[in-house]
C-alpha atoms as a PDB file:
ATOM      1  CA  MET A   1     -10.596  18.416  -6.756  1.00  0.00           C
ATOM      2  CA  PRO A   2      -7.814  18.183  -9.304  1.00  0.00           C
ATOM      3  CA  GLU A   3      -5.211  15.491  -8.705  1.00  0.00           C
ATOM      4  CA  LYS A   4      -2.457  18.123  -8.303  1.00  0.00           C
ATOM      5  CA  VAL A   5      -4.375  19.825  -5.485  1.00  0.00           C
ATOM      6  CA  ILE A   6      -4.922  16.522  -3.696  1.00  0.00           C
ATOM      7  CA  SER A   7      -1.221  15.737  -4.056  1.00  0.00           C
ATOM      8  CA  LEU A   8      -0.249  19.091  -2.501  1.00  0.00           C
ATOM      9  CA  VAL A   9      -2.679  18.638   0.400  1.00  0.00           C
ATOM     10  CA  LEU A  10      -1.328  15.152   1.110  1.00  0.00           C
ATOM     11  CA  GLU A  11       2.263  16.423   0.942  1.00  0.00           C
ATOM     12  CA  TRP A  12       1.430  19.214   3.400  1.00  0.00           C
ATOM     13  CA  ALA A  13      -0.343  16.812   5.771  1.00  0.00           C
ATOM     14  CA  TYR A  14       2.597  14.399   5.692  1.00  0.00           C
ATOM     15  CA  GLU A  15       5.080  17.173   6.457  1.00  0.00           C
ATOM     16  CA  HIS A  16       2.955  18.436   9.363  1.00  0.00           C
ATOM     17  CA  ARG A  17       1.562  15.163  10.705  1.00  0.00           C
ATOM     18  CA  ASP A  18       2.902  15.692  14.248  1.00  0.00           C
ATOM     19  CA  GLU A  19       1.464  19.207  14.406  1.00  0.00           C
ATOM     20  CA  LEU A  20      -1.848  17.957  13.029  1.00  0.00           C
ATOM     21  CA  MET A  21      -2.035  15.269  15.714  1.00  0.00           C
ATOM     22  CA  GLU A  22      -1.228  17.827  18.411  1.00  0.00           C
ATOM     23  CA  ASP A  23      -3.956  20.144  17.097  1.00  0.00           C
ATOM     24  CA  TRP A  24      -6.382  17.225  16.936  1.00  0.00           C
ATOM     25  CA  GLU A  25      -5.822  16.506  20.628  1.00  0.00           C
ATOM     26  CA  LEU A  26      -6.207  20.188  21.506  1.00  0.00           C
ATOM     27  CA  ALA A  27      -9.454  20.389  19.528  1.00  0.00           C
ATOM     28  CA  ARG A  28     -10.807  17.264  21.227  1.00  0.00           C
ATOM     29  CA  ALA A  29     -10.114  18.940  24.582  1.00  0.00           C
ATOM     30  CA  ASN A  30     -11.946  22.103  23.416  1.00  0.00           C
ATOM     31  CA  GLN A  31      -8.681  24.047  23.466  1.00  0.00           C
ATOM     32  CA  PRO A  32      -7.549  26.522  20.810  1.00  0.00           C
ATOM     33  CA  VAL A  33      -5.457  24.934  18.080  1.00  0.00           C
ATOM     34  CA  LYS A  34      -2.053  26.185  16.982  1.00  0.00           C
ATOM     35  CA  LYS A  35      -1.405  27.653  13.558  1.00  0.00           C
ATOM     36  CA  ILE A  36       0.347  25.352  11.088  1.00  0.00           C
ATOM     37  CA  ASP A  37       2.501  26.861   8.350  1.00  0.00           C
ATOM     38  CA  PRO A  38       1.246  26.508   4.782  1.00  0.00           C
ATOM     39  CA  LEU A  39       3.008  24.467   2.121  1.00  0.00           C
ATOM     40  CA  VAL A  40       5.730  26.538   0.477  1.00  0.00           C
END
């Protein structure tokens, strides 16, 4: 992937790290995950 795309993905993940961790725990428990807003 282009460096710019990787940078945007990492920025999004950093901004939503708490939501990502919550979704990770839900997924591990076979529960539906919550939607996370896209990078704007």
